[in-house]
C-alpha atoms as a PDB file:
ATOM      1  CA  MET A   1     -28.360  -9.995 -75.897  1.00  0.00           C
ATOM      2  CA  VAL A   2     -24.888 -11.278 -74.819  1.00  0.00           C
ATOM      3  CA  LEU A   3     -23.531 -11.107 -78.332  1.00  0.00           C
ATOM      4  CA  LEU A   4     -24.927  -7.645 -78.927  1.00  0.00           C
ATOM      5  CA  SER A   5     -23.432  -6.389 -75.582  1.00  0.00           C
ATOM      6  CA  ALA A   6     -20.040  -7.971 -76.454  1.00  0.00           C
ATOM      7  CA  GLN A   7     -20.215  -6.053 -79.789  1.00  0.00           C
ATOM      8  CA  GLY A   8     -20.700  -2.815 -77.893  1.00  0.00           C
ATOM      9  CA  MET A   9     -24.368  -2.143 -78.247  1.00  0.00           C
ATOM     10  CA  PRO A  10     -25.724   0.007 -75.441  1.00  0.00           C
ATOM     11  CA  VAL A  11     -28.168  -1.686 -73.147  1.00  0.00           C
ATOM     12  CA  ALA A  12     -31.206   0.564 -74.238  1.00  0.00           C
ATOM     13  CA  LYS A  13     -30.722  -0.461 -77.749  1.00  0.00           C
ATOM     14  CA  ILE A  14     -30.407  -4.112 -76.952  1.00  0.00           C
ATOM     15  CA  ALA A  15     -33.732  -3.789 -74.941  1.00  0.00           C
ATOM     16  CA  GLU A  16     -35.356  -2.131 -77.810  1.00  0.00           C
ATOM     17  CA  VAL A  17     -34.430  -4.747 -80.397  1.00  0.00           C
ATOM     18  CA  SER A  18     -35.162  -7.659 -78.164  1.00  0.00           C
ATOM     19  CA  PHE A  19     -38.580  -6.181 -77.099  1.00  0.00           C
ATOM     20  CA  THR A  20     -37.678  -6.250 -73.360  1.00  0.00           C
ATOM     21  CA  GLY A  21     -36.645  -3.871 -70.574  1.00  0.00           C
ATOM     22  CA  ASP A  22     -33.127  -2.560 -69.649  1.00  0.00           C
ATOM     23  CA  ASP A  23     -33.126  -4.422 -66.420  1.00  0.00           C
ATOM     24  CA  ARG A  24     -33.751  -7.754 -68.199  1.00  0.00           C
ATOM     25  CA  VAL A  25     -30.816  -7.126 -70.499  1.00  0.00           C
ATOM     26  CA  ARG A  26     -28.583  -6.247 -67.564  1.00  0.00           C
ATOM     27  CA  ASP A  27     -29.636  -9.378 -65.690  1.00  0.00           C
ATOM     28  CA  VAL A  28     -29.015 -11.639 -68.655  1.00  0.00           C
ATOM     29  CA  VAL A  29     -25.572 -10.166 -69.367  1.00  0.00           C
ATOM     30  CA  HIS A  30     -24.484 -10.224 -65.650  1.00  0.00           C
ATOM     31  CA  ASN A  31     -25.670 -13.796 -65.292  1.00  0.00           C
ATOM     32  CA  PHE A  32     -23.903 -14.841 -68.409  1.00  0.00           C
ATOM     33  CA  ASN A  33     -20.730 -13.202 -67.150  1.00  0.00           C
ATOM     34  CA  ALA A  34     -21.087 -14.959 -63.795  1.00  0.00           C
ATOM     35  CA  ASP A  35     -22.168 -18.385 -65.030  1.00  0.00           C
ATOM     36  CA  GLY A  36     -21.196 -18.600 -68.674  1.00  0.00           C
ATOM     37  CA  PHE A  37     -23.116 -21.086 -70.873  1.00  0.00           C
ATOM     38  CA  ASP A  38     -24.562 -23.009 -67.880  1.00  0.00           C
ATOM     39  CA  PHE A  39     -26.786 -19.939 -67.435  1.00  0.00           C
ATOM     40  CA  ALA A  40     -27.700 -19.742 -71.033  1.00  0.00           C
ATOM     41  CA  LEU A  41     -28.704 -23.451 -71.145  1.00  0.00           C
ATOM     42  CA  SER A  42     -30.848 -23.220 -67.931  1.00  0.00           C
ATOM     43  CA  GLU A  43     -32.619 -20.197 -69.489  1.00  0.00           C
ATOM     44  CA  VAL A  44     -33.380 -21.927 -72.769  1.00  0.00           C
ATOM     45  CA  GLN A  45     -34.338 -25.318 -71.397  1.00  0.00           C
ATOM     46  CA  GLY A  46     -36.106 -24.060 -68.235  1.00  0.00           C
ATOM     47  CA  TRP A  47     -33.762 -26.145 -66.089  1.00  0.00           C
ATOM     48  CA  PRO A  48     -31.995 -24.979 -62.893  1.00  0.00           C
ATOM     49  CA  ALA A  49     -28.341 -24.663 -63.420  1.00  0.00           C
ATOM     50  CA  GLN A  50     -27.555 -27.703 -61.031  1.00  0.00           C
ATOM     51  CA  ASP A  51     -29.651 -29.937 -63.260  1.00  0.00           C
ATOM     52  CA  VAL A  52     -27.693 -28.862 -66.342  1.00  0.00           C
ATOM     53  CA  HIS A  53     -24.494 -29.867 -64.532  1.00  0.00           C
ATOM     54  CA  ALA A  54     -26.044 -33.189 -63.610  1.00  0.00           C
ATOM     55  CA  ALA A  55     -27.251 -33.904 -67.131  1.00  0.00           C
ATOM     56  CA  ARG A  56     -23.807 -33.123 -68.469  1.00  0.00           C
ATOM     57  CA  ALA A  57     -22.160 -35.553 -66.021  1.00  0.00           C
ATOM     58  CA  THR A  58     -24.139 -38.461 -67.358  1.00  0.00           C
END
């Protein structure tokens, strides 16, 4: 979603091709812009962001 947004694809089209809603696309892009890859890792792995930081520190 983030890559498609960065390439200029409209939110509605991203939602369509990723089988989700406009609000979810906006949330993902907003959270990525705020937290970078820490957000992406926590979403994929199911970990809270603070656990991702702790795992990286070890």
